Structures are given as structure tokens and as C-alpha cells.
């Protein structure tokens, strides 16, 4: 499989020429480097734009979001068009990581 990751300030339209060749695009929704950062909400518009282009060209590319993902924002992220969510600190710093994962899966599958 082929994938690419974009930092928060990289525009998604840079990928449009190769999008149909990609299996996955990981949009970083925090600046890479350390865990526990807050989700950058401008990422939602990037997800929507990327999903629109994926649908327009009928590609099978998945959109993955990494950084600041948790129960408090996953609904908006999924509604924007994300297919895969990476949750680190929101799981491992929770009182009950297994319960947090279960809640995330329940929501995501509904």
C-alpha cells in the first residue's frame, strides 16, 4: 500500500495529481513531535476538501487523522470525512483505556 502524511500547514491540493495512486493520506492534526497536543480544528476543512476530491475522482483513498483525536471531537472528524482515527493520549491518559477504546468503536460503528 502507498500512503503519505501531511503536516498541519501543508495544503491537501498538493496531492490531487497523485491522489488516485494513494491508498491512504494521513493528515496530521497537531504538529508532530510530542503527544497530548490539542486538535487543530482547521484540519476539518482539509478533511472535507480532500474527501470531496477523492469522491470526485472516484478514488478509494482513505483519510487518516492523527493528533488530538478523542471522544470530544471524533464525531466532527468523522462527519468531515475521515476514515481512520489515531488516538494516543486520549486513550492512554484516560482512567480506563479499554473503556475509552470501546466507546470510540461503538460511536465509530454507529
PDB file of N, CA and C in Angstrom:
ATOM      1  N   UNK A   1       0.843  -1.182   0.000  1.00  0.00           N
ATOM      2  CA  UNK A   1       0.000   0.000   0.000  1.00  0.00           C
ATOM      3  C   UNK A   1       0.886   1.243   0.000  1.00  0.00           C
ATOM      4  N   UNK A   2       0.362   2.315  -0.560  1.00  0.00           N
ATOM      5  CA  UNK A   2       1.094   3.575  -0.614  1.00  0.00           C
ATOM      6  C   UNK A   2       0.342   4.630   0.186  1.00  0.00           C
ATOM      7  N   UNK A   3       1.076   5.354   1.010  1.00  0.00           N
ATOM      8  CA  UNK A   3       0.466   6.405   1.814  1.00  0.00           C
ATOM      9  C   UNK A   3       1.388   7.593   1.942  1.00  0.00           C
ATOM     10  N   UNK A   4       0.800   8.690   2.357  1.00  0.00           N
ATOM     11  CA  UNK A   4       1.564   9.909   2.566  1.00  0.00           C
ATOM     12  C   UNK A   4       0.989  10.623   3.780  1.00  0.00           C
ATOM     13  N   UNK A   5       1.857  11.322   4.521  1.00  0.00           N
ATOM     14  CA  UNK A   5       1.415  12.121   5.666  1.00  0.00           C
ATOM     15  C   UNK A   5       1.683  13.591   5.375  1.00  0.00           C
ATOM     16  N   UNK A   6       0.726  14.425   5.762  1.00  0.00           N
ATOM     17  CA  UNK A   6       0.874  15.869   5.591  1.00  0.00           C
ATOM     18  C   UNK A   6       0.865  16.555   6.951  1.00  0.00           C
ATOM     19  N   UNK A   7       1.811  17.447   7.144  1.00  0.00           N
ATOM     20  CA  UNK A   7       1.825  18.260   8.356  1.00  0.00           C
ATOM     21  C   UNK A   7       0.668  19.254   8.326  1.00  0.00           C
ATOM     22  N   UNK A   8       0.317  19.824   9.477  1.00  0.00           N
ATOM     23  CA  UNK A   8      -0.863  20.691   9.547  1.00  0.00           C
ATOM     24  C   UNK A   8      -0.888  21.866   8.565  1.00  0.00           C
ATOM     25  N   UNK A   9       0.258  22.391   8.212  1.00  0.00           N
ATOM     26  CA  UNK A   9       0.259  23.586   7.366  1.00  0.00           C
ATOM     27  C   UNK A   9       0.493  23.288   5.892  1.00  0.00           C
ATOM     28  N   UNK A  10       0.494  21.991   5.527  1.00  0.00           N
ATOM     29  CA  UNK A  10       0.656  21.617   4.124  1.00  0.00           C
ATOM     30  C   UNK A  10      -0.720  21.502   3.482  1.00  0.00           C
ATOM     31  N   UNK A  11      -0.950  22.211   2.380  1.00  0.00           N
ATOM     32  CA  UNK A  11      -2.264  22.137   1.726  1.00  0.00           C
ATOM     33  C   UNK A  11      -2.516  20.782   1.066  1.00  0.00           C
ATOM     34  N   UNK A  12      -3.747  20.297   1.160  1.00  0.00           N
ATOM     35  CA  UNK A  12      -4.083  18.985   0.602  1.00  0.00           C
ATOM     36  C   UNK A  12      -4.082  18.982  -0.920  1.00  0.00           C
ATOM     37  N   UNK A  13      -4.274  20.130  -1.545  1.00  0.00           N
ATOM     38  CA  UNK A  13      -4.328  20.149  -3.007  1.00  0.00           C
ATOM     39  C   UNK A  13      -2.990  19.776  -3.643  1.00  0.00           C
ATOM     40  N   UNK A  14      -1.925  19.744  -2.878  1.00  0.00           N
ATOM     41  CA  UNK A  14      -0.629  19.295  -3.403  1.00  0.00           C
ATOM     42  C   UNK A  14      -0.664  17.820  -3.802  1.00  0.00           C
ATOM     43  N   UNK A  15      -1.644  17.082  -3.278  1.00  0.00           N
ATOM     44  CA  UNK A  15      -1.750  15.648  -3.550  1.00  0.00           C
ATOM     45  C   UNK A  15      -2.697  15.306  -4.694  1.00  0.00           C
ATOM     46  N   UNK A  16      -3.437  16.267  -5.188  1.00  0.00           N
ATOM     47  CA  UNK A  16      -4.503  15.960  -6.130  1.00  0.00           C
ATOM     48  C   UNK A  16      -4.013  15.229  -7.383  1.00  0.00           C
ATOM     49  N   UNK A  17      -2.815  15.530  -7.863  1.00  0.00           N
ATOM     50  CA  UNK A  17      -2.303  14.871  -9.068  1.00  0.00           C
ATOM     51  C   UNK A  17      -1.967  13.398  -8.847  1.00  0.00           C
ATOM     52  N   UNK A  18      -1.705  13.007  -7.611  1.00  0.00           N
ATOM     53  CA  UNK A  18      -1.320  11.614  -7.321  1.00  0.00           C
ATOM     54  C   UNK A  18      -2.326  10.896  -6.441  1.00  0.00           C
ATOM     55  N   UNK A  19      -3.425  11.540  -6.143  1.00  0.00           N
ATOM     56  CA  UNK A  19      -4.390  11.008  -5.177  1.00  0.00           C
ATOM     57  C   UNK A  19      -4.905   9.619  -5.549  1.00  0.00           C
ATOM     58  N   UNK A  20      -5.170   9.387  -6.813  1.00  0.00           N
ATOM     59  CA  UNK A  20      -5.694   8.083  -7.206  1.00  0.00           C
ATOM     60  C   UNK A  20      -4.667   6.960  -7.045  1.00  0.00           C
ATOM     61  N   UNK A  21      -3.397   7.303  -6.883  1.00  0.00           N
ATOM     62  CA  UNK A  21      -2.349   6.307  -6.661  1.00  0.00           C
ATOM     63  C   UNK A  21      -2.093   6.031  -5.176  1.00  0.00           C
ATOM     64  N   UNK A  22      -2.748   6.776  -4.316  1.00  0.00           N
ATOM     65  CA  UNK A  22      -2.533   6.636  -2.867  1.00  0.00           C
ATOM     66  C   UNK A  22      -3.635   5.794  -2.233  1.00  0.00           C
ATOM     67  N   UNK A  23      -3.237   4.927  -1.327  1.00  0.00           N
ATOM     68  CA  UNK A  23      -4.192   4.137  -0.562  1.00  0.00           C
ATOM     69  C   UNK A  23      -4.641   4.879   0.690  1.00  0.00           C
ATOM     70  N   UNK A  24      -3.774   5.754   1.202  1.00  0.00           N
ATOM     71  CA  UNK A  24      -4.061   6.433   2.460  1.00  0.00           C
ATOM     72  C   UNK A  24      -3.372   7.790   2.494  1.00  0.00           C
ATOM     73  N   UNK A  25      -4.080   8.777   3.012  1.00  0.00           N
ATOM     74  CA  UNK A  25      -3.493  10.077   3.311  1.00  0.00           C
ATOM     75  C   UNK A  25      -3.683  10.314   4.796  1.00  0.00           C
ATOM     76  N   UNK A  26      -2.574  10.497   5.503  1.00  0.00           N
ATOM     77  CA  UNK A  26      -2.613  10.809   6.930  1.00  0.00           C
ATOM     78  C   UNK A  26      -2.470  12.312   7.083  1.00  0.00           C
ATOM     79  N   UNK A  27      -3.527  12.943   7.583  1.00  0.00           N
ATOM     80  CA  UNK A  27      -3.467  14.368   7.885  1.00  0.00           C
ATOM     81  C   UNK A  27      -3.091  14.524   9.346  1.00  0.00           C
ATOM     82  N   UNK A  28      -1.949  15.121   9.588  1.00  0.00           N
ATOM     83  CA  UNK A  28      -1.557  15.408  10.966  1.00  0.00           C
ATOM     84  C   UNK A  28      -2.400  16.587  11.448  1.00  0.00           C
ATOM     85  N   UNK A  29      -3.060  16.390  12.564  1.00  0.00           N
ATOM     86  CA  UNK A  29      -3.927  17.435  13.110  1.00  0.00           C
ATOM     87  C   UNK A  29      -3.319  18.073  14.349  1.00  0.00           C
ATOM     88  N   UNK A  30      -2.040  17.830  14.547  1.00  0.00           N
ATOM     89  CA  UNK A  30      -1.187  18.515  15.515  1.00  0.00           C
ATOM     90  C   UNK A  30       0.185  18.616  14.861  1.00  0.00           C
ATOM     91  N   UNK A  31       1.056  19.430  15.415  1.00  0.00           N
ATOM     92  CA  UNK A  31       2.423  19.477  14.911  1.00  0.00           C
ATOM     93  C   UNK A  31       3.182  18.285  15.473  1.00  0.00           C
ATOM     94  N   UNK A  32       3.764  17.460  14.605  1.00  0.00           N
ATOM     95  CA  UNK A  32       4.445  16.243  15.062  1.00  0.00           C
ATOM     96  C   UNK A  32       5.552  16.550  16.073  1.00  0.00           C
ATOM     97  N   UNK A  33       5.704  15.644  17.003  1.00  0.00           N
ATOM     98  CA  UNK A  33       6.806  15.803  17.943  1.00  0.00           C
ATOM     99  C   UNK A  33       6.530  15.271  19.327  1.00  0.00           C
ATOM    100  N   UNK A  34       5.335  15.512  19.838  1.00  0.00           N
ATOM    101  CA  UNK A  34       5.019  15.017  21.181  1.00  0.00           C
ATOM    102  C   UNK A  34       3.521  14.849  21.335  1.00  0.00           C
ATOM    103  N   UNK A  35       3.139  13.927  22.211  1.00  0.00           N
ATOM    104  CA  UNK A  35       1.732  13.630  22.433  1.00  0.00           C
ATOM    105  C   UNK A  35       1.045  14.652  23.315  1.00  0.00           C
ATOM    106  N   UNK A  36      -0.280  14.572  23.327  1.00  0.00           N
ATOM    107  CA  UNK A  36      -1.075  15.406  24.218  1.00  0.00           C
ATOM    108  C   UNK A  36      -1.428  16.780  23.680  1.00  0.00           C
ATOM    109  N   UNK A  37      -1.101  17.063  22.425  1.00  0.00           N
ATOM    110  CA  UNK A  37      -1.432  18.369  21.856  1.00  0.00           C
ATOM    111  C   UNK A  37      -2.920  18.448  21.523  1.00  0.00           C
ATOM    112  N   UNK A  38      -3.412  19.672  21.431  1.00  0.00           N
ATOM    113  CA  UNK A  38      -4.818  19.880  21.082  1.00  0.00           C
ATOM    114  C   UNK A  38      -5.001  19.808  19.572  1.00  0.00           C
ATOM    115  N   UNK A  39      -6.125  19.246  19.195  1.00  0.00           N
ATOM    116  CA  UNK A  39      -6.519  19.117  17.800  1.00  0.00           C
ATOM    117  C   UNK A  39      -6.603  20.492  17.151  1.00  0.00           C
ATOM    118  N   UNK A  40      -6.026  20.623  15.960  1.00  0.00           N
ATOM    119  CA  UNK A  40      -6.101  21.862  15.185  1.00  0.00           C
ATOM    120  C   UNK A  40      -7.379  21.795  14.340  1.00  0.00           C
ATOM    121  N   UNK A  41      -8.367  22.594  14.704  1.00  0.00           N
ATOM    122  CA  UNK A  41      -9.691  22.478  14.082  1.00  0.00           C
ATOM    123  C   UNK A  41      -9.742  22.889  12.616  1.00  0.00           C
ATOM    124  N   UNK A  42      -8.744  23.604  12.122  1.00  0.00           N
ATOM    125  CA  UNK A  42      -8.696  23.910  10.692  1.00  0.00           C
ATOM    126  C   UNK A  42      -8.520  22.631   9.862  1.00  0.00           C
ATOM    127  N   UNK A  43      -8.123  21.548  10.525  1.00  0.00           N
ATOM    128  CA  UNK A  43      -7.980  20.264   9.836  1.00  0.00           C
ATOM    129  C   UNK A  43      -9.315  19.799   9.268  1.00  0.00           C
ATOM    130  N   UNK A  44     -10.422  20.174   9.907  1.00  0.00           N
ATOM    131  CA  UNK A  44     -11.737  19.742   9.414  1.00  0.00           C
ATOM    132  C   UNK A  44     -11.993  20.205   7.986  1.00  0.00           C
ATOM    133  N   UNK A  45     -11.603  21.419   7.657  1.00  0.00           N
ATOM    134  CA  UNK A  45     -11.804  21.905   6.287  1.00  0.00           C
ATOM    135  C   UNK A  45     -10.886  21.163   5.317  1.00  0.00           C
ATOM    136  N   UNK A  46      -9.709  20.770   5.767  1.00  0.00           N
ATOM    137  CA  UNK A  46      -8.805  19.990   4.919  1.00  0.00           C
ATOM    138  C   UNK A  46      -9.382  18.600   4.656  1.00  0.00           C
ATOM    139  N   UNK A  47      -9.991  18.010   5.682  1.00  0.00           N
ATOM    140  CA  UNK A  47     -10.624  16.693   5.511  1.00  0.00           C
ATOM    141  C   UNK A  47     -11.731  16.803   4.469  1.00  0.00           C
ATOM    142  N   UNK A  48     -12.590  17.812   4.609  1.00  0.00           N
ATOM    143  CA  UNK A  48     -13.702  17.987   3.669  1.00  0.00           C
ATOM    144  C   UNK A  48     -13.212  18.173   2.238  1.00  0.00           C
ATOM    145  N   UNK A  49     -12.193  19.011   2.062  1.00  0.00           N
ATOM    146  CA  UNK A  49     -11.658  19.267   0.717  1.00  0.00           C
ATOM    147  C   UNK A  49     -11.066  17.991   0.129  1.00  0.00           C
ATOM    148  N   UNK A  50     -10.323  17.253   0.924  1.00  0.00           N
ATOM    149  CA  UNK A  50      -9.711  16.020   0.441  1.00  0.00           C
ATOM    150  C   UNK A  50     -10.777  14.982   0.103  1.00  0.00           C
ATOM    151  N   UNK A  51     -11.788  14.846   0.954  1.00  0.00           N
ATOM    152  CA  UNK A  51     -12.870  13.888   0.705  1.00  0.00           C
ATOM    153  C   UNK A  51     -13.631  14.248  -0.570  1.00  0.00           C
ATOM    154  N   UNK A  52     -13.856  15.525  -0.782  1.00  0.00           N
ATOM    155  CA  UNK A  52     -14.538  15.982  -1.997  1.00  0.00           C
ATOM    156  C   UNK A  52     -13.758  15.563  -3.232  1.00  0.00           C
ATOM    157  N   UNK A  53     -12.453  15.747  -3.199  1.00  0.00           N
ATOM    158  CA  UNK A  53     -11.625  15.379  -4.348  1.00  0.00           C
ATOM    159  C   UNK A  53     -11.572  13.867  -4.536  1.00  0.00           C
ATOM    160  N   UNK A  54     -11.462  13.124  -3.443  1.00  0.00           N
ATOM    161  CA  UNK A  54     -11.468  11.655  -3.523  1.00  0.00           C
ATOM    162  C   UNK A  54     -12.756  11.172  -4.183  1.00  0.00           C
ATOM    163  N   UNK A  55     -13.879  11.724  -3.763  1.00  0.00           N
ATOM    164  CA  UNK A  55     -15.164  11.338  -4.348  1.00  0.00           C
ATOM    165  C   UNK A  55     -15.281  11.772  -5.807  1.00  0.00           C
ATOM    166  N   UNK A  56     -14.759  12.951  -6.109  1.00  0.00           N
ATOM    167  CA  UNK A  56     -14.847  13.479  -7.472  1.00  0.00           C
ATOM    168  C   UNK A  56     -14.142  12.563  -8.464  1.00  0.00           C
ATOM    169  N   UNK A  57     -12.975  12.034  -8.078  1.00  0.00           N
ATOM    170  CA  UNK A  57     -12.217  11.179  -8.993  1.00  0.00           C
ATOM    171  C   UNK A  57     -12.510   9.696  -8.760  1.00  0.00           C
ATOM    172  N   UNK A  58     -13.430   9.419  -7.842  1.00  0.00           N
ATOM    173  CA  UNK A  58     -13.832   8.053  -7.527  1.00  0.00           C
ATOM    174  C   UNK A  58     -12.650   7.188  -7.069  1.00  0.00           C
ATOM    175  N   UNK A  59     -11.796   7.763  -6.230  1.00  0.00           N
ATOM    176  CA  UNK A  59     -10.645   7.039  -5.682  1.00  0.00           C
ATOM    177  C   UNK A  59     -11.076   6.259  -4.438  1.00  0.00           C
ATOM    178  N   UNK A  60     -10.263   5.325  -4.049  1.00  0.00           N
ATOM    179  CA  UNK A  60     -10.521   4.502  -2.866  1.00  0.00           C
ATOM    180  C   UNK A  60      -9.638   4.936  -1.691  1.00  0.00           C
ATOM    181  N   UNK A  61      -8.995   6.068  -1.808  1.00  0.00           N
ATOM    182  CA  UNK A  61      -8.054   6.577  -0.812  1.00  0.00           C
ATOM    183  C   UNK A  61      -8.734   6.800   0.530  1.00  0.00           C
ATOM    184  N   UNK A  62      -8.113   6.307   1.590  1.00  0.00           N
ATOM    185  CA  UNK A  62      -8.613   6.517   2.944  1.00  0.00           C
ATOM    186  C   UNK A  62      -7.973   7.769   3.537  1.00  0.00           C
ATOM    187  N   UNK A  63      -8.733   8.450   4.378  1.00  0.00           N
ATOM    188  CA  UNK A  63      -8.223   9.620   5.092  1.00  0.00           C
ATOM    189  C   UNK A  63      -8.040   9.238   6.553  1.00  0.00           C
ATOM    190  N   UNK A  64      -6.817   9.375   7.019  1.00  0.00           N
ATOM    191  CA  UNK A  64      -6.475   9.080   8.419  1.00  0.00           C
ATOM    192  C   UNK A  64      -6.144  10.392   9.121  1.00  0.00           C
ATOM    193  N   UNK A  65      -6.608  10.528  10.348  1.00  0.00           N
ATOM    194  CA  UNK A  65      -6.344  11.724  11.143  1.00  0.00           C
ATOM    195  C   UNK A  65      -5.533  11.313  12.363  1.00  0.00           C
ATOM    196  N   UNK A  66      -4.430  12.022  12.590  1.00  0.00           N
ATOM    197  CA  UNK A  66      -3.527  11.704  13.688  1.00  0.00           C
ATOM    198  C   UNK A  66      -3.186  12.965  14.461  1.00  0.00           C
ATOM    199  N   UNK A  67      -3.626  12.984  15.728  1.00  0.00           N
ATOM    200  CA  UNK A  67      -3.254  14.085  16.613  1.00  0.00           C
ATOM    201  C   UNK A  67      -4.447  14.765  17.242  1.00  0.00           C
ATOM    202  N   UNK A  68      -4.517  14.690  18.550  1.00  0.00           N
ATOM    203  CA  UNK A  68      -5.574  15.384  19.276  1.00  0.00           C
ATOM    204  C   UNK A  68      -6.945  14.768  19.124  1.00  0.00           C
ATOM    205  N   UNK A  69      -7.004  13.524  18.671  1.00  0.00           N
ATOM    206  CA  UNK A  69      -8.285  12.848  18.447  1.00  0.00           C
ATOM    207  C   UNK A  69      -8.775  12.247  19.764  1.00  0.00           C
ATOM    208  N   UNK A  70     -10.036  12.474  20.084  1.00  0.00           N
ATOM    209  CA  UNK A  70     -10.625  11.909  21.289  1.00  0.00           C
ATOM    210  C   UNK A  70     -12.138  11.912  21.213  1.00  0.00           C
ATOM    211  N   UNK A  71     -12.742  11.455  22.280  1.00  0.00           N
ATOM    212  CA  UNK A  71     -14.208  11.380  22.326  1.00  0.00           C
ATOM    213  C   UNK A  71     -14.865  12.735  22.111  1.00  0.00           C
ATOM    214  N   UNK A  72     -14.183  13.804  22.484  1.00  0.00           N
ATOM    215  CA  UNK A  72     -14.764  15.141  22.407  1.00  0.00           C
ATOM    216  C   UNK A  72     -14.851  15.680  20.982  1.00  0.00           C
ATOM    217  N   UNK A  73     -14.077  15.114  20.040  1.00  0.00           N
ATOM    218  CA  UNK A  73     -14.091  15.682  18.692  1.00  0.00           C
ATOM    219  C   UNK A  73     -14.232  14.650  17.569  1.00  0.00           C
ATOM    220  N   UNK A  74     -14.270  13.378  17.916  1.00  0.00           N
ATOM    221  CA  UNK A  74     -14.278  12.371  16.862  1.00  0.00           C
ATOM    222  C   UNK A  74     -15.525  12.438  15.983  1.00  0.00           C
ATOM    223  N   UNK A  75     -16.657  12.861  16.530  1.00  0.00           N
ATOM    224  CA  UNK A  75     -17.870  12.976  15.725  1.00  0.00           C
ATOM    225  C   UNK A  75     -17.673  13.979  14.588  1.00  0.00           C
ATOM    226  N   UNK A  76     -17.107  15.138  14.911  1.00  0.00           N
ATOM    227  CA  UNK A  76     -16.876  16.153  13.879  1.00  0.00           C
ATOM    228  C   UNK A  76     -15.864  15.681  12.844  1.00  0.00           C
ATOM    229  N   UNK A  77     -14.862  14.953  13.299  1.00  0.00           N
ATOM    230  CA  UNK A  77     -13.830  14.451  12.395  1.00  0.00           C
ATOM    231  C   UNK A  77     -14.419  13.429  11.422  1.00  0.00           C
ATOM    232  N   UNK A  78     -15.232  12.530  11.937  1.00  0.00           N
ATOM    233  CA  UNK A  78     -15.871  11.521  11.092  1.00  0.00           C
ATOM    234  C   UNK A  78     -16.858  12.181  10.126  1.00  0.00           C
ATOM    235  N   UNK A  79     -17.642  13.118  10.622  1.00  0.00           N
ATOM    236  CA  UNK A  79     -18.602  13.819   9.767  1.00  0.00           C
ATOM    237  C   UNK A  79     -17.910  14.579   8.643  1.00  0.00           C
ATOM    238  N   UNK A  80     -16.698  15.056   8.897  1.00  0.00           N
ATOM    239  CA  UNK A  80     -15.949  15.778   7.865  1.00  0.00           C
ATOM    240  C   UNK A  80     -15.467  14.849   6.765  1.00  0.00           C
ATOM    241  N   UNK A  81     -15.366  13.523   7.065  1.00  0.00           N
ATOM    242  CA  UNK A  81     -14.988  12.571   6.027  1.00  0.00           C
ATOM    243  C   UNK A  81     -13.830  11.659   6.349  1.00  0.00           C
ATOM    244  N   UNK A  82     -13.331  11.694   7.568  1.00  0.00           N
ATOM    245  CA  UNK A  82     -12.205  10.826   7.938  1.00  0.00           C
ATOM    246  C   UNK A  82     -12.642   9.364   7.999  1.00  0.00           C
ATOM    247  N   UNK A  83     -11.729   8.488   7.617  1.00  0.00           N
ATOM    248  CA  UNK A  83     -11.989   7.048   7.626  1.00  0.00           C
ATOM    249  C   UNK A  83     -11.271   6.332   8.764  1.00  0.00           C
ATOM    250  N   UNK A  84     -10.111   6.839   9.162  1.00  0.00           N
ATOM    251  CA  UNK A  84      -9.275   6.203  10.175  1.00  0.00           C
ATOM    252  C   UNK A  84      -8.868   7.272  11.186  1.00  0.00           C
ATOM    253  N   UNK A  85      -9.034   6.962  12.472  1.00  0.00           N
ATOM    254  CA  UNK A  85      -8.645   7.891  13.531  1.00  0.00           C
ATOM    255  C   UNK A  85      -7.536   7.278  14.375  1.00  0.00           C
ATOM    256  N   UNK A  86      -6.518   8.066  14.652  1.00  0.00           N
ATOM    257  CA  UNK A  86      -5.431   7.641  15.528  1.00  0.00           C
ATOM    258  C   UNK A  86      -5.603   8.373  16.848  1.00  0.00           C
ATOM    259  N   UNK A  87      -5.761   7.605  17.922  1.00  0.00           N
ATOM    260  CA  UNK A  87      -5.948   8.195  19.253  1.00  0.00           C
ATOM    261  C   UNK A  87      -4.877   7.644  20.177  1.00  0.00           C
ATOM    262  N   UNK A  88      -4.023   8.509  20.670  1.00  0.00           N
ATOM    263  CA  UNK A  88      -2.952   8.104  21.571  1.00  0.00           C
ATOM    264  C   UNK A  88      -3.221   8.556  22.986  1.00  0.00           C
ATOM    265  N   UNK A  89      -2.914   9.807  23.265  1.00  0.00           N
ATOM    266  CA  UNK A  89      -3.047  10.337  24.619  1.00  0.00           C
ATOM    267  C   UNK A  89      -4.460  10.237  25.156  1.00  0.00           C
ATOM    268  N   UNK A  90      -5.454  10.433  24.280  1.00  0.00           N
ATOM    269  CA  UNK A  90      -6.843  10.379  24.757  1.00  0.00           C
ATOM    270  C   UNK A  90      -7.209   8.991  25.259  1.00  0.00           C
ATOM    271  N   UNK A  91      -6.510   7.983  24.780  1.00  0.00           N
ATOM    272  CA  UNK A  91      -6.733   6.614  25.251  1.00  0.00           C
ATOM    273  C   UNK A  91      -5.840   6.316  26.446  1.00  0.00           C
ATOM    274  N   UNK A  92      -4.546   6.506  26.266  1.00  0.00           N
ATOM    275  CA  UNK A  92      -3.596   6.066  27.285  1.00  0.00           C
ATOM    276  C   UNK A  92      -3.585   6.930  28.541  1.00  0.00           C
ATOM    277  N   UNK A  93      -4.082   8.153  28.449  1.00  0.00           N
ATOM    278  CA  UNK A  93      -4.171   9.008  29.635  1.00  0.00           C
ATOM    279  C   UNK A  93      -5.557   8.969  30.273  1.00  0.00           C
ATOM    280  N   UNK A  94      -6.465   8.181  29.710  1.00  0.00           N
ATOM    281  CA  UNK A  94      -7.808   8.075  30.290  1.00  0.00           C
ATOM    282  C   UNK A  94      -7.763   7.166  31.521  1.00  0.00           C
ATOM    283  N   UNK A  95      -8.774   7.280  32.344  1.00  0.00           N
ATOM    284  CA  UNK A  95      -8.844   6.447  33.548  1.00  0.00           C
ATOM    285  C   UNK A  95      -8.975   4.976  33.204  1.00  0.00           C
ATOM    286  N   UNK A  96      -9.652   4.680  32.105  1.00  0.00           N
ATOM    287  CA  UNK A  96      -9.869   3.297  31.688  1.00  0.00           C
ATOM    288  C   UNK A  96      -9.673   3.201  30.174  1.00  0.00           C
ATOM    289  N   UNK A  97      -8.433   2.951  29.739  1.00  0.00           N
ATOM    290  CA  UNK A  97      -8.161   2.925  28.299  1.00  0.00           C
ATOM    291  C   UNK A  97      -9.039   1.949  27.517  1.00  0.00           C
ATOM    292  N   UNK A  98      -9.308   0.770  28.060  1.00  0.00           N
ATOM    293  CA  UNK A  98     -10.131  -0.199  27.342  1.00  0.00           C
ATOM    294  C   UNK A  98     -11.561   0.314  27.158  1.00  0.00           C
ATOM    295  N   UNK A  99     -12.096   0.947  28.183  1.00  0.00           N
ATOM    296  CA  UNK A  99     -13.446   1.507  28.080  1.00  0.00           C
ATOM    297  C   UNK A  99     -13.479   2.656  27.071  1.00  0.00           C
ATOM    298  N   UNK A 100     -12.430   3.455  27.047  1.00  0.00           N
ATOM    299  CA  UNK A 100     -12.359   4.559  26.089  1.00  0.00           C
ATOM    300  C   UNK A 100     -12.335   4.022  24.660  1.00  0.00           C
ATOM    301  N   UNK A 101     -11.538   2.992  24.428  1.00  0.00           N
ATOM    302  CA  UNK A 101     -11.480   2.376  23.099  1.00  0.00           C
ATOM    303  C   UNK A 101     -12.854   1.815  22.723  1.00  0.00           C
ATOM    304  N   UNK A 102     -13.493   1.153  23.666  1.00  0.00           N
ATOM    305  CA  UNK A 102     -14.819   0.575  23.399  1.00  0.00           C
ATOM    306  C   UNK A 102     -15.821   1.669  23.037  1.00  0.00           C
ATOM    307  N   UNK A 103     -15.791   2.797  23.754  1.00  0.00           N
ATOM    308  CA  UNK A 103     -16.700   3.903  23.450  1.00  0.00           C
ATOM    309  C   UNK A 103     -16.423   4.470  22.059  1.00  0.00           C
ATOM    310  N   UNK A 104     -15.146   4.580  21.721  1.00  0.00           N
ATOM    311  CA  UNK A 104     -14.780   5.097  20.396  1.00  0.00           C
ATOM    312  C   UNK A 104     -15.276   4.150  19.304  1.00  0.00           C
ATOM    313  N   UNK A 105     -15.064   2.878  19.483  1.00  0.00           N
ATOM    314  CA  UNK A 105     -15.506   1.904  18.483  1.00  0.00           C
ATOM    315  C   UNK A 105     -17.022   1.888  18.349  1.00  0.00           C
ATOM    316  N   UNK A 106     -17.726   1.981  19.468  1.00  0.00           N
ATOM    317  CA  UNK A 106     -19.178   1.998  19.425  1.00  0.00           C
ATOM    318  C   UNK A 106     -19.678   3.192  18.636  1.00  0.00           C
ATOM    319  N   UNK A 107     -19.089   4.349  18.875  1.00  0.00           N
ATOM    320  CA  UNK A 107     -19.519   5.533  18.152  1.00  0.00           C
ATOM    321  C   UNK A 107     -19.175   5.398  16.676  1.00  0.00           C
ATOM    322  N   UNK A 108     -17.948   4.980  16.389  1.00  0.00           N
ATOM    323  CA  UNK A 108     -17.470   4.930  15.022  1.00  0.00           C
ATOM    324  C   UNK A 108     -18.283   3.960  14.168  1.00  0.00           C
ATOM    325  N   UNK A 109     -18.764   2.893  14.783  1.00  0.00           N
ATOM    326  CA  UNK A 109     -19.503   1.886  14.036  1.00  0.00           C
ATOM    327  C   UNK A 109     -21.000   2.216  13.925  1.00  0.00           C
ATOM    328  N   UNK A 110     -21.439   3.248  14.609  1.00  0.00           N
ATOM    329  CA  UNK A 110     -22.879   3.585  14.554  1.00  0.00           C
ATOM    330  C   UNK A 110     -23.214   4.434  13.353  1.00  0.00           C
TER     331      UNK A 110
END
